[in-house]
Amino acid sequence: MELLYASCVGVLVTCGIYLLLRARTFPVVLGLTMLSYAVNLFLFSAGRLTINKAVVLGTGVEYADPLPQALVLTAIVIGFAMTAFVVILAIRGRADLGNDHVDGHLVKSNNKEQK
């Protein structure tokens, strides 16, 4: 189970970094989202991957650590807010520049209208 979990985190990190290196804003936003999911899974695994343990203290002899769960919930909220902020920045950049390239350079085309 740990190998599968670590593989999922590794695939999310790899895909996130690959998408971050793209030249368009939408893949960059997806890459940031995938990296945030990978970090959430990593934080969640910090509380040890166990099965059939009590979530609340006092209901069983062995219990799950609540701190990583609280960190992941907080990270989900912050990640959602940052994703919304980056999407708004991408929309504003598209409106101001006329394209959605991350570096801000205008794409040269054969149209004489676009200068």
PDB file of N, CA and C in Angstrom:
ATOM      1  N   MET A   1       0.822  -1.187   0.000  1.00  0.00           N
ATOM      2  CA  MET A   1       0.000   0.000   0.000  1.00  0.00           C
ATOM      3  C   MET A   1       0.871   1.258   0.000  1.00  0.00           C
ATOM      4  N   GLU A   2       1.984   1.207   0.722  1.00  0.00           N
ATOM      5  CA  GLU A   2       2.859   2.371   0.775  1.00  0.00           C
ATOM      6  C   GLU A   2       3.493   2.647  -0.583  1.00  0.00           C
ATOM      7  N   LEU A   3       3.826   1.584  -1.313  1.00  0.00           N
ATOM      8  CA  LEU A   3       4.428   1.761  -2.634  1.00  0.00           C
ATOM      9  C   LEU A   3       3.435   2.405  -3.602  1.00  0.00           C
ATOM     10  N   LEU A   4       2.197   1.980  -3.559  1.00  0.00           N
ATOM     11  CA  LEU A   4       1.174   2.575  -4.413  1.00  0.00           C
ATOM     12  C   LEU A   4       0.949   4.043  -4.058  1.00  0.00           C
ATOM     13  N   TYR A   5       0.913   4.333  -2.765  1.00  0.00           N
ATOM     14  CA  TYR A   5       0.699   5.697  -2.296  1.00  0.00           C
ATOM     15  C   TYR A   5       1.856   6.599  -2.722  1.00  0.00           C
ATOM     16  N   ALA A   6       3.087   6.114  -2.526  1.00  0.00           N
ATOM     17  CA  ALA A   6       4.259   6.901  -2.920  1.00  0.00           C
ATOM     18  C   ALA A   6       4.322   7.079  -4.428  1.00  0.00           C
ATOM     19  N   SER A   7       3.907   6.068  -5.167  1.00  0.00           N
ATOM     20  CA  SER A   7       3.889   6.178  -6.634  1.00  0.00           C
ATOM     21  C   SER A   7       2.886   7.231  -7.088  1.00  0.00           C
ATOM     22  N   CYS A   8       1.731   7.274  -6.443  1.00  0.00           N
ATOM     23  CA  CYS A   8       0.729   8.291  -6.788  1.00  0.00           C
ATOM     24  C   CYS A   8       1.250   9.696  -6.514  1.00  0.00           C
ATOM     25  N   VAL A   9       1.912   9.874  -5.383  1.00  0.00           N
ATOM     26  CA  VAL A   9       2.490  11.182  -5.067  1.00  0.00           C
ATOM     27  C   VAL A   9       3.559  11.536  -6.094  1.00  0.00           C
ATOM     28  N   GLY A  10       4.395  10.573  -6.461  1.00  0.00           N
ATOM     29  CA  GLY A  10       5.439  10.820  -7.451  1.00  0.00           C
ATOM     30  C   GLY A  10       4.885  11.165  -8.815  1.00  0.00           C
ATOM     31  N   VAL A  11       3.832  10.485  -9.239  1.00  0.00           N
ATOM     32  CA  VAL A  11       3.213  10.782 -10.535  1.00  0.00           C
ATOM     33  C   VAL A  11       2.585  12.168 -10.518  1.00  0.00           C
ATOM     34  N   LEU A  12       1.937  12.538  -9.424  1.00  0.00           N
ATOM     35  CA  LEU A  12       1.351  13.873  -9.334  1.00  0.00           C
ATOM     36  C   LEU A  12       2.416  14.960  -9.379  1.00  0.00           C
ATOM     37  N   VAL A  13       3.534  14.745  -8.688  1.00  0.00           N
ATOM     38  CA  VAL A  13       4.621  15.727  -8.711  1.00  0.00           C
ATOM     39  C   VAL A  13       5.221  15.831 -10.108  1.00  0.00           C
ATOM     40  N   THR A  14       5.434  14.689 -10.751  1.00  0.00           N
ATOM     41  CA  THR A  14       6.008  14.693 -12.097  1.00  0.00           C
ATOM     42  C   THR A  14       5.100  15.404 -13.090  1.00  0.00           C
ATOM     43  N   CYS A  15       3.827  15.085 -13.071  1.00  0.00           N
ATOM     44  CA  CYS A  15       2.882  15.739 -13.977  1.00  0.00           C
ATOM     45  C   CYS A  15       2.755  17.229 -13.665  1.00  0.00           C
ATOM     46  N   GLY A  16       2.776  17.574 -12.388  1.00  0.00           N
ATOM     47  CA  GLY A  16       2.682  18.979 -11.999  1.00  0.00           C
ATOM     48  C   GLY A  16       3.866  19.791 -12.479  1.00  0.00           C
ATOM     49  N   ILE A  17       5.072  19.254 -12.334  1.00  0.00           N
ATOM     50  CA  ILE A  17       6.261  19.966 -12.798  1.00  0.00           C
ATOM     51  C   ILE A  17       6.263  20.072 -14.316  1.00  0.00           C
ATOM     52  N   TYR A  18       5.867  19.000 -14.998  1.00  0.00           N
ATOM     53  CA  TYR A  18       5.790  19.043 -16.462  1.00  0.00           C
ATOM     54  C   TYR A  18       4.821  20.128 -16.926  1.00  0.00           C
ATOM     55  N   LEU A  19       3.660  20.214 -16.283  1.00  0.00           N
ATOM     56  CA  LEU A  19       2.677  21.217 -16.680  1.00  0.00           C
ATOM     57  C   LEU A  19       3.112  22.630 -16.304  1.00  0.00           C
ATOM     58  N   LEU A  20       3.883  22.766 -15.232  1.00  0.00           N
ATOM     59  CA  LEU A  20       4.383  24.091 -14.861  1.00  0.00           C
ATOM     60  C   LEU A  20       5.351  24.651 -15.893  1.00  0.00           C
ATOM     61  N   LEU A  21       6.011  23.790 -16.629  1.00  0.00           N
ATOM     62  CA  LEU A  21       7.005  24.233 -17.612  1.00  0.00           C
ATOM     63  C   LEU A  21       6.400  24.546 -18.977  1.00  0.00           C
ATOM     64  N   ARG A  22       5.091  24.474 -19.110  1.00  0.00           N
ATOM     65  CA  ARG A  22       4.426  24.793 -20.372  1.00  0.00           C
ATOM     66  C   ARG A  22       4.380  26.310 -20.555  1.00  0.00           C
ATOM     67  N   ALA A  23       4.102  26.757 -21.764  1.00  0.00           N
ATOM     68  CA  ALA A  23       4.121  28.186 -22.077  1.00  0.00           C
ATOM     69  C   ALA A  23       2.750  28.843 -21.980  1.00  0.00           C
ATOM     70  N   ARG A  24       1.717  28.094 -21.700  1.00  0.00           N
ATOM     71  CA  ARG A  24       0.366  28.653 -21.606  1.00  0.00           C
ATOM     72  C   ARG A  24      -0.088  28.691 -20.146  1.00  0.00           C
ATOM     73  N   THR A  25      -1.068  29.526 -19.855  1.00  0.00           N
ATOM     74  CA  THR A  25      -1.467  29.702 -18.464  1.00  0.00           C
ATOM     75  C   THR A  25      -2.319  28.554 -17.933  1.00  0.00           C
ATOM     76  N   PHE A  26      -3.181  27.973 -18.763  1.00  0.00           N
ATOM     77  CA  PHE A  26      -4.043  26.904 -18.250  1.00  0.00           C
ATOM     78  C   PHE A  26      -3.254  25.680 -17.797  1.00  0.00           C
ATOM     79  N   PRO A  27      -2.261  25.203 -18.562  1.00  0.00           N
ATOM     80  CA  PRO A  27      -1.451  24.094 -18.037  1.00  0.00           C
ATOM     81  C   PRO A  27      -0.680  24.456 -16.779  1.00  0.00           C
ATOM     82  N   VAL A  28      -0.276  25.710 -16.646  1.00  0.00           N
ATOM     83  CA  VAL A  28       0.428  26.127 -15.432  1.00  0.00           C
ATOM     84  C   VAL A  28      -0.505  26.049 -14.225  1.00  0.00           C
ATOM     85  N   VAL A  29      -1.741  26.469 -14.408  1.00  0.00           N
ATOM     86  CA  VAL A  29      -2.721  26.380 -13.319  1.00  0.00           C
ATOM     87  C   VAL A  29      -2.973  24.917 -12.949  1.00  0.00           C
ATOM     88  N   LEU A  30      -3.107  24.043 -13.952  1.00  0.00           N
ATOM     89  CA  LEU A  30      -3.279  22.616 -13.670  1.00  0.00           C
ATOM     90  C   LEU A  30      -2.065  22.030 -12.974  1.00  0.00           C
ATOM     91  N   GLY A  31      -0.869  22.460 -13.372  1.00  0.00           N
ATOM     92  CA  GLY A  31       0.349  21.984 -12.724  1.00  0.00           C
ATOM     93  C   GLY A  31       0.421  22.394 -11.258  1.00  0.00           C
ATOM     94  N   LEU A  32       0.048  23.634 -10.973  1.00  0.00           N
ATOM     95  CA  LEU A  32       0.014  24.078  -9.570  1.00  0.00           C
ATOM     96  C   LEU A  32      -1.005  23.288  -8.760  1.00  0.00           C
ATOM     97  N   THR A  33      -2.138  22.997  -9.372  1.00  0.00           N
ATOM     98  CA  THR A  33      -3.163  22.214  -8.682  1.00  0.00           C
ATOM     99  C   THR A  33      -2.677  20.800  -8.404  1.00  0.00           C
ATOM    100  N   MET A  34      -2.027  20.179  -9.381  1.00  0.00           N
ATOM    101  CA  MET A  34      -1.504  18.824  -9.164  1.00  0.00           C
ATOM    102  C   MET A  34      -0.425  18.800  -8.095  1.00  0.00           C
ATOM    103  N   LEU A  35       0.428  19.822  -8.079  1.00  0.00           N
ATOM    104  CA  LEU A  35       1.446  19.893  -7.028  1.00  0.00           C
ATOM    105  C   LEU A  35       0.810  20.073  -5.649  1.00  0.00           C
ATOM    106  N   SER A  36      -0.255  20.848  -5.573  1.00  0.00           N
ATOM    107  CA  SER A  36      -0.915  21.017  -4.282  1.00  0.00           C
ATOM    108  C   SER A  36      -1.569  19.713  -3.824  1.00  0.00           C
ATOM    109  N   TYR A  37      -2.131  18.937  -4.778  1.00  0.00           N
ATOM    110  CA  TYR A  37      -2.675  17.622  -4.427  1.00  0.00           C
ATOM    111  C   TYR A  37      -1.576  16.690  -3.922  1.00  0.00           C
ATOM    112  N   ALA A  38      -0.422  16.738  -4.573  1.00  0.00           N
ATOM    113  CA  ALA A  38       0.696  15.890  -4.142  1.00  0.00           C
ATOM    114  C   ALA A  38       1.159  16.267  -2.746  1.00  0.00           C
ATOM    115  N   VAL A  39       1.221  17.553  -2.462  1.00  0.00           N
ATOM    116  CA  VAL A  39       1.629  17.996  -1.120  1.00  0.00           C
ATOM    117  C   VAL A  39       0.588  17.579  -0.090  1.00  0.00           C
ATOM    118  N   ASN A  40      -0.694  17.667  -0.442  1.00  0.00           N
ATOM    119  CA  ASN A  40      -1.741  17.226   0.480  1.00  0.00           C
ATOM    120  C   ASN A  40      -1.622  15.741   0.793  1.00  0.00           C
ATOM    121  N   LEU A  41      -1.372  14.926  -0.230  1.00  0.00           N
ATOM    122  CA  LEU A  41      -1.195  13.491   0.010  1.00  0.00           C
ATOM    123  C   LEU A  41       0.038  13.215   0.851  1.00  0.00           C
ATOM    124  N   PHE A  42       1.099  13.965   0.601  1.00  0.00           N
ATOM    125  CA  PHE A  42       2.317  13.791   1.390  1.00  0.00           C
ATOM    126  C   PHE A  42       2.087  14.164   2.850  1.00  0.00           C
ATOM    127  N   LEU A  43       1.398  15.276   3.084  1.00  0.00           N
ATOM    128  CA  LEU A  43       1.091  15.673   4.466  1.00  0.00           C
ATOM    129  C   LEU A  43       0.198  14.649   5.152  1.00  0.00           C
ATOM    130  N   PHE A  44      -0.756  14.112   4.393  1.00  0.00           N
ATOM    131  CA  PHE A  44      -1.657  13.120   4.969  1.00  0.00           C
ATOM    132  C   PHE A  44      -0.909  11.840   5.340  1.00  0.00           C
ATOM    133  N   SER A  45       0.092  11.487   4.546  1.00  0.00           N
ATOM    134  CA  SER A  45       0.862  10.281   4.857  1.00  0.00           C
ATOM    135  C   SER A  45       1.793  10.485   6.041  1.00  0.00           C
ATOM    136  N   ALA A  46       2.003  11.730   6.452  1.00  0.00           N
ATOM    137  CA  ALA A  46       2.842  11.987   7.620  1.00  0.00           C
ATOM    138  C   ALA A  46       2.207  11.443   8.899  1.00  0.00           C
ATOM    139  N   GLY A  47       0.901  11.250   8.896  1.00  0.00           N
ATOM    140  CA  GLY A  47       0.211  10.695  10.052  1.00  0.00           C
ATOM    141  C   GLY A  47       0.161   9.181  10.033  1.00  0.00           C
ATOM    142  N   ARG A  48       0.970   8.547   9.231  1.00  0.00           N
ATOM    143  CA  ARG A  48       1.059   7.094   9.066  1.00  0.00           C
ATOM    144  C   ARG A  48      -0.189   6.539   8.399  1.00  0.00           C
ATOM    145  N   LEU A  49       0.027   5.685   7.448  1.00  0.00           N
ATOM    146  CA  LEU A  49      -1.078   5.054   6.739  1.00  0.00           C
ATOM    147  C   LEU A  49      -1.520   3.831   7.528  1.00  0.00           C
ATOM    148  N   THR A  50      -2.645   3.924   8.191  1.00  0.00           N
ATOM    149  CA  THR A  50      -3.165   2.821   8.989  1.00  0.00           C
ATOM    150  C   THR A  50      -4.622   2.570   8.623  1.00  0.00           C
ATOM    151  N   ILE A  51      -5.066   1.360   8.912  1.00  0.00           N
ATOM    152  CA  ILE A  51      -6.441   0.969   8.615  1.00  0.00           C
ATOM    153  C   ILE A  51      -7.117   0.582   9.928  1.00  0.00           C
ATOM    154  N   ASN A  52      -8.390   0.920  10.057  1.00  0.00           N
ATOM    155  CA  ASN A  52      -9.228   0.552  11.201  1.00  0.00           C
ATOM    156  C   ASN A  52      -8.724   1.118  12.524  1.00  0.00           C
ATOM    157  N   LYS A  53      -8.327   2.373  12.507  1.00  0.00           N
ATOM    158  CA  LYS A  53      -7.975   3.055  13.754  1.00  0.00           C
ATOM    159  C   LYS A  53      -8.989   4.158  14.005  1.00  0.00           C
ATOM    160  N   ALA A  54      -9.186   4.474  15.259  1.00  0.00           N
ATOM    161  CA  ALA A  54     -10.162   5.498  15.634  1.00  0.00           C
ATOM    162  C   ALA A  54      -9.678   6.872  15.189  1.00  0.00           C
ATOM    163  N   VAL A  55     -10.607   7.689  14.718  1.00  0.00           N
ATOM    164  CA  VAL A  55     -10.256   9.030  14.281  1.00  0.00           C
ATOM    165  C   VAL A  55     -10.234   9.987  15.465  1.00  0.00           C
ATOM    166  N   VAL A  56     -11.088   9.751  16.450  1.00  0.00           N
ATOM    167  CA  VAL A  56     -11.221  10.632  17.602  1.00  0.00           C
ATOM    168  C   VAL A  56     -10.506  10.001  18.791  1.00  0.00           C
ATOM    169  N   LEU A  57      -9.817  10.833  19.557  1.00  0.00           N
ATOM    170  CA  LEU A  57      -9.126  10.346  20.743  1.00  0.00           C
ATOM    171  C   LEU A  57     -10.127   9.837  21.777  1.00  0.00           C
ATOM    172  N   GLY A  58      -9.783   8.782  22.432  1.00  0.00           N
ATOM    173  CA  GLY A  58     -10.614   8.259  23.500  1.00  0.00           C
ATOM    174  C   GLY A  58     -11.602   7.200  23.075  1.00  0.00           C
ATOM    175  N   THR A  59     -11.777   6.938  21.784  1.00  0.00           N
ATOM    176  CA  THR A  59     -12.733   5.927  21.355  1.00  0.00           C
ATOM    177  C   THR A  59     -12.082   4.573  21.117  1.00  0.00           C
ATOM    178  N   GLY A  60     -10.777   4.517  21.153  1.00  0.00           N
ATOM    179  CA  GLY A  60     -10.086   3.254  20.946  1.00  0.00           C
ATOM    180  C   GLY A  60      -8.702   3.315  21.555  1.00  0.00           C
ATOM    181  N   VAL A  61      -8.064   2.155  21.608  1.00  0.00           N
ATOM    182  CA  VAL A  61      -6.723   2.103  22.166  1.00  0.00           C
ATOM    183  C   VAL A  61      -5.744   2.799  21.228  1.00  0.00           C
ATOM    184  N   GLU A  62      -5.822   2.496  19.957  1.00  0.00           N
ATOM    185  CA  GLU A  62      -4.972   3.141  18.966  1.00  0.00           C
ATOM    186  C   GLU A  62      -5.814   4.140  18.177  1.00  0.00           C
ATOM    187  N   TYR A  63      -5.210   5.260  17.851  1.00  0.00           N
ATOM    188  CA  TYR A  63      -5.943   6.296  17.141  1.00  0.00           C
ATOM    189  C   TYR A  63      -5.069   6.880  16.041  1.00  0.00           C
ATOM    190  N   ALA A  64      -5.724   7.495  15.087  1.00  0.00           N
ATOM    191  CA  ALA A  64      -5.022   8.172  14.001  1.00  0.00           C
ATOM    192  C   ALA A  64      -4.595   9.555  14.478  1.00  0.00           C
ATOM    193  N   ASP A  65      -3.475  10.019  13.962  1.00  0.00           N
ATOM    194  CA  ASP A  65      -2.968  11.333  14.337  1.00  0.00           C
ATOM    195  C   ASP A  65      -3.828  12.422  13.683  1.00  0.00           C
ATOM    196  N   PRO A  66      -4.446  13.313  14.470  1.00  0.00           N
ATOM    197  CA  PRO A  66      -5.331  14.315  13.874  1.00  0.00           C
ATOM    198  C   PRO A  66      -4.602  15.511  13.269  1.00  0.00           C
ATOM    199  N   LEU A  67      -3.333  15.715  13.597  1.00  0.00           N
ATOM    200  CA  LEU A  67      -2.622  16.884  13.092  1.00  0.00           C
ATOM    201  C   LEU A  67      -2.466  16.883  11.572  1.00  0.00           C
ATOM    202  N   PRO A  68      -2.025  15.793  10.942  1.00  0.00           N
ATOM    203  CA  PRO A  68      -1.955  15.824   9.473  1.00  0.00           C
ATOM    204  C   PRO A  68      -3.316  16.011   8.809  1.00  0.00           C
ATOM    205  N   GLN A  69      -4.363  15.502   9.425  1.00  0.00           N
ATOM    206  CA  GLN A  69      -5.697  15.698   8.865  1.00  0.00           C
ATOM    207  C   GLN A  69      -6.086  17.174   8.895  1.00  0.00           C
ATOM    208  N   ALA A  70      -5.768  17.849   9.992  1.00  0.00           N
ATOM    209  CA  ALA A  70      -6.056  19.276  10.087  1.00  0.00           C
ATOM    210  C   ALA A  70      -5.201  20.076   9.107  1.00  0.00           C
ATOM    211  N   LEU A  71      -3.945  19.683   8.938  1.00  0.00           N
ATOM    212  CA  LEU A  71      -3.079  20.368   7.980  1.00  0.00           C
ATOM    213  C   LEU A  71      -3.588  20.206   6.550  1.00  0.00           C
ATOM    214  N   VAL A  72      -4.051  19.011   6.217  1.00  0.00           N
ATOM    215  CA  VAL A  72      -4.553  18.776   4.870  1.00  0.00           C
ATOM    216  C   VAL A  72      -5.832  19.565   4.625  1.00  0.00           C
ATOM    217  N   LEU A  73      -6.723  19.625   5.593  1.00  0.00           N
ATOM    218  CA  LEU A  73      -7.942  20.429   5.425  1.00  0.00           C
ATOM    219  C   LEU A  73      -7.611  21.900   5.220  1.00  0.00           C
ATOM    220  N   THR A  74      -6.657  22.407   5.980  1.00  0.00           N
ATOM    221  CA  THR A  74      -6.235  23.792   5.811  1.00  0.00           C
ATOM    222  C   THR A  74      -5.584  23.997   4.445  1.00  0.00           C
ATOM    223  N   ALA A  75      -4.762  23.044   4.027  1.00  0.00           N
ATOM    224  CA  ALA A  75      -4.088  23.156   2.726  1.00  0.00           C
ATOM    225  C   ALA A  75      -5.082  23.097   1.576  1.00  0.00           C
ATOM    226  N   ILE A  76      -6.149  22.337   1.720  1.00  0.00           N
ATOM    227  CA  ILE A  76      -7.172  22.273   0.672  1.00  0.00           C
ATOM    228  C   ILE A  76      -7.840  23.633   0.503  1.00  0.00           C
ATOM    229  N   VAL A  77      -8.169  24.277   1.603  1.00  0.00           N
ATOM    230  CA  VAL A  77      -8.817  25.590   1.542  1.00  0.00           C
ATOM    231  C   VAL A  77      -7.878  26.620   0.935  1.00  0.00           C
ATOM    232  N   ILE A  78      -6.626  26.638   1.384  1.00  0.00           N
ATOM    233  CA  ILE A  78      -5.658  27.601   0.860  1.00  0.00           C
ATOM    234  C   ILE A  78      -5.371  27.310  -0.614  1.00  0.00           C
ATOM    235  N   GLY A  79      -5.264  26.044  -0.977  1.00  0.00           N
ATOM    236  CA  GLY A  79      -5.021  25.685  -2.372  1.00  0.00           C
ATOM    237  C   GLY A  79      -6.155  26.102  -3.285  1.00  0.00           C
ATOM    238  N   PHE A  80      -7.386  25.945  -2.819  1.00  0.00           N
ATOM    239  CA  PHE A  80      -8.534  26.378  -3.621  1.00  0.00           C
ATOM    240  C   PHE A  80      -8.517  27.886  -3.810  1.00  0.00           C
ATOM    241  N   ALA A  81      -8.219  28.628  -2.758  1.00  0.00           N
ATOM    242  CA  ALA A  81      -8.177  30.086  -2.856  1.00  0.00           C
ATOM    243  C   ALA A  81      -7.056  30.541  -3.797  1.00  0.00           C
ATOM    244  N   MET A  82      -5.903  29.912  -3.711  1.00  0.00           N
ATOM    245  CA  MET A  82      -4.796  30.288  -4.587  1.00  0.00           C
ATOM    246  C   MET A  82      -5.079  29.910  -6.041  1.00  0.00           C
ATOM    247  N   THR A  83      -5.754  28.787  -6.259  1.00  0.00           N
ATOM    248  CA  THR A  83      -6.116  28.410  -7.623  1.00  0.00           C
ATOM    249  C   THR A  83      -7.085  29.429  -8.215  1.00  0.00           C
ATOM    250  N   ALA A  84      -8.050  29.862  -7.443  1.00  0.00           N
ATOM    251  CA  ALA A  84      -8.989  30.885  -7.924  1.00  0.00           C
ATOM    252  C   ALA A  84      -8.253  32.190  -8.224  1.00  0.00           C
ATOM    253  N   PHE A  85      -7.301  32.547  -7.381  1.00  0.00           N
ATOM    254  CA  PHE A  85      -6.528  33.772  -7.593  1.00  0.00           C
ATOM    255  C   PHE A  85      -5.691  33.688  -8.869  1.00  0.00           C
ATOM    256  N   VAL A  86      -5.039  32.540  -9.096  1.00  0.00           N
ATOM    257  CA  VAL A  86      -4.209  32.366 -10.291  1.00  0.00           C
ATOM    258  C   VAL A  86      -5.072  32.353 -11.551  1.00  0.00           C
ATOM    259  N   VAL A  87      -6.260  31.771 -11.480  1.00  0.00           N
ATOM    260  CA  VAL A  87      -7.161  31.791 -12.639  1.00  0.00           C
ATOM    261  C   VAL A  87      -7.577  33.223 -12.966  1.00  0.00           C
ATOM    262  N   ILE A  88      -7.868  34.020 -11.949  1.00  0.00           N
ATOM    263  CA  ILE A  88      -8.226  35.427 -12.184  1.00  0.00           C
ATOM    264  C   ILE A  88      -7.044  36.182 -12.782  1.00  0.00           C
ATOM    265  N   LEU A  89      -5.826  35.915 -12.294  1.00  0.00           N
ATOM    266  CA  LEU A  89      -4.643  36.547 -12.879  1.00  0.00           C
ATOM    267  C   LEU A  89      -4.456  36.131 -14.335  1.00  0.00           C
ATOM    268  N   ALA A  90      -4.717  34.867 -14.640  1.00  0.00           N
ATOM    269  CA  ALA A  90      -4.584  34.390 -16.022  1.00  0.00           C
ATOM    270  C   ALA A  90      -5.615  35.060 -16.927  1.00  0.00           C
ATOM    271  N   ILE A  91      -6.824  35.210 -16.443  1.00  0.00           N
ATOM    272  CA  ILE A  91      -7.858  35.871 -17.234  1.00  0.00           C
ATOM    273  C   ILE A  91      -7.479  37.336 -17.468  1.00  0.00           C
ATOM    274  N   ARG A  92      -6.968  37.990 -16.436  1.00  0.00           N
ATOM    275  CA  ARG A  92      -6.546  39.398 -16.575  1.00  0.00           C
ATOM    276  C   ARG A  92      -5.373  39.530 -17.536  1.00  0.00           C
ATOM    277  N   GLY A  93      -4.416  38.611 -17.439  1.00  0.00           N
ATOM    278  CA  GLY A  93      -3.284  38.642 -18.353  1.00  0.00           C
ATOM    279  C   GLY A  93      -3.704  38.413 -19.792  1.00  0.00           C
ATOM    280  N   ARG A  94      -4.657  37.528 -19.993  1.00  0.00           N
ATOM    281  CA  ARG A  94      -5.181  37.268 -21.344  1.00  0.00           C
ATOM    282  C   ARG A  94      -5.882  38.506 -21.886  1.00  0.00           C
ATOM    283  N   ALA A  95      -6.625  39.188 -21.025  1.00  0.00           N
ATOM    284  CA  ALA A  95      -7.327  40.389 -21.462  1.00  0.00           C
ATOM    285  C   ALA A  95      -6.362  41.530 -21.765  1.00  0.00           C
ATOM    286  N   ASP A  96      -5.321  41.692 -20.963  1.00  0.00           N
ATOM    287  CA  ASP A  96      -4.375  42.792 -21.166  1.00  0.00           C
ATOM    288  C   ASP A  96      -3.426  42.543 -22.334  1.00  0.00           C
ATOM    289  N   LEU A  97      -2.914  41.327 -22.454  1.00  0.00           N
ATOM    290  CA  LEU A  97      -1.908  41.035 -23.475  1.00  0.00           C
ATOM    291  C   LEU A  97      -2.486  40.532 -24.784  1.00  0.00           C
ATOM    292  N   GLY A  98      -3.661  39.946 -24.740  1.00  0.00           N
ATOM    293  CA  GLY A  98      -4.244  39.402 -25.944  1.00  0.00           C
ATOM    294  C   GLY A  98      -3.845  37.968 -26.226  1.00  0.00           C
ATOM    295  N   ASN A  99      -3.004  37.389 -25.403  1.00  0.00           N
ATOM    296  CA  ASN A  99      -2.641  35.978 -25.533  1.00  0.00           C
ATOM    297  C   ASN A  99      -2.467  35.403 -24.143  1.00  0.00           C
ATOM    298  N   ASP A 100      -2.268  34.093 -24.078  1.00  0.00           N
ATOM    299  CA  ASP A 100      -2.154  33.464 -22.763  1.00  0.00           C
ATOM    300  C   ASP A 100      -0.791  32.816 -22.544  1.00  0.00           C
ATOM    301  N   HIS A 101       0.235  33.373 -23.137  1.00  0.00           N
ATOM    302  CA  HIS A 101       1.583  32.873 -22.905  1.00  0.00           C
ATOM    303  C   HIS A 101       2.073  33.351 -21.549  1.00  0.00           C
ATOM    304  N   VAL A 102       2.783  32.495 -20.856  1.00  0.00           N
ATOM    305  CA  VAL A 102       3.243  32.799 -19.506  1.00  0.00           C
ATOM    306  C   VAL A 102       4.331  33.864 -19.516  1.00  0.00           C
ATOM    307  N   ASP A 103       5.214  33.842 -20.533  1.00  0.00           N
ATOM    308  CA  ASP A 103       6.324  34.780 -20.561  1.00  0.00           C
ATOM    309  C   ASP A 103       5.922  36.191 -20.988  1.00  0.00           C
ATOM    310  N   GLY A 104       4.725  36.369 -21.528  1.00  0.00           N
ATOM    311  CA  GLY A 104       4.230  37.692 -21.884  1.00  0.00           C
ATOM    312  C   GLY A 104       4.624  38.162 -23.259  1.00  0.00           C
ATOM    313  N   HIS A 105       5.392  37.372 -24.012  1.00  0.00           N
ATOM    314  CA  HIS A 105       5.784  37.777 -25.358  1.00  0.00           C
ATOM    315  C   HIS A 105       4.615  37.568 -26.322  1.00  0.00           C
ATOM    316  N   LEU A 106       4.495  38.475 -27.249  1.00  0.00           N
ATOM    317  CA  LEU A 106       3.462  38.342 -28.259  1.00  0.00           C
ATOM    318  C   LEU A 106       3.884  37.317 -29.287  1.00  0.00           C
ATOM    319  N   VAL A 107       2.936  36.525 -29.729  1.00  0.00           N
ATOM    320  CA  VAL A 107       3.201  35.520 -30.745  1.00  0.00           C
ATOM    321  C   VAL A 107       3.142  36.186 -32.101  1.00  0.00           C
ATOM    322  N   LYS A 108       4.176  35.994 -32.902  1.00  0.00           N
ATOM    323  CA  LYS A 108       4.187  36.570 -34.244  1.00  0.00           C
ATOM    324  C   LYS A 108       3.336  35.715 -35.168  1.00  0.00           C
ATOM    325  N   SER A 109       2.478  36.374 -35.895  1.00  0.00           N
ATOM    326  CA  SER A 109       1.626  35.662 -36.841  1.00  0.00           C
ATOM    327  C   SER A 109       1.681  36.354 -38.204  1.00  0.00           C
ATOM    328  N   ASN A 110       1.079  35.751 -39.167  1.00  0.00           N
ATOM    329  CA  ASN A 110       1.084  36.293 -40.511  1.00  0.00           C
ATOM    330  C   ASN A 110       0.009  37.356 -40.715  1.00  0.00           C
ATOM    331  N   ASN A 111      -0.883  37.532 -39.755  1.00  0.00           N
ATOM    332  CA  ASN A 111      -1.933  38.543 -39.882  1.00  0.00           C
ATOM    333  C   ASN A 111      -1.340  39.928 -39.761  1.00  0.00           C
ATOM    334  N   LYS A 112      -1.726  40.814 -40.640  1.00  0.00           N
ATOM    335  CA  LYS A 112      -1.241  42.191 -40.566  1.00  0.00           C
ATOM    336  C   LYS A 112      -1.983  43.004 -39.522  1.00  0.00           C
ATOM    337  N   GLU A 113      -3.157  42.505 -39.102  1.00  0.00           N
ATOM    338  CA  GLU A 113      -3.956  43.227 -38.120  1.00  0.00           C
ATOM    339  C   GLU A 113      -3.341  43.172 -36.740  1.00  0.00           C
ATOM    340  N   GLN A 114      -2.622  42.113 -36.446  1.00  0.00           N
ATOM    341  CA  GLN A 114      -2.093  41.921 -35.084  1.00  0.00           C
ATOM    342  C   GLN A 114      -0.686  42.494 -35.014  1.00  0.00           C
ATOM    343  N   LYS A 115      -0.518  43.591 -34.304  1.00  0.00           N
ATOM    344  CA  LYS A 115       0.798  44.202 -34.141  1.00  0.00           C
ATOM    345  C   LYS A 115       0.941  44.721 -32.751  1.00  0.00           C
TER     346      LYS A 115
END
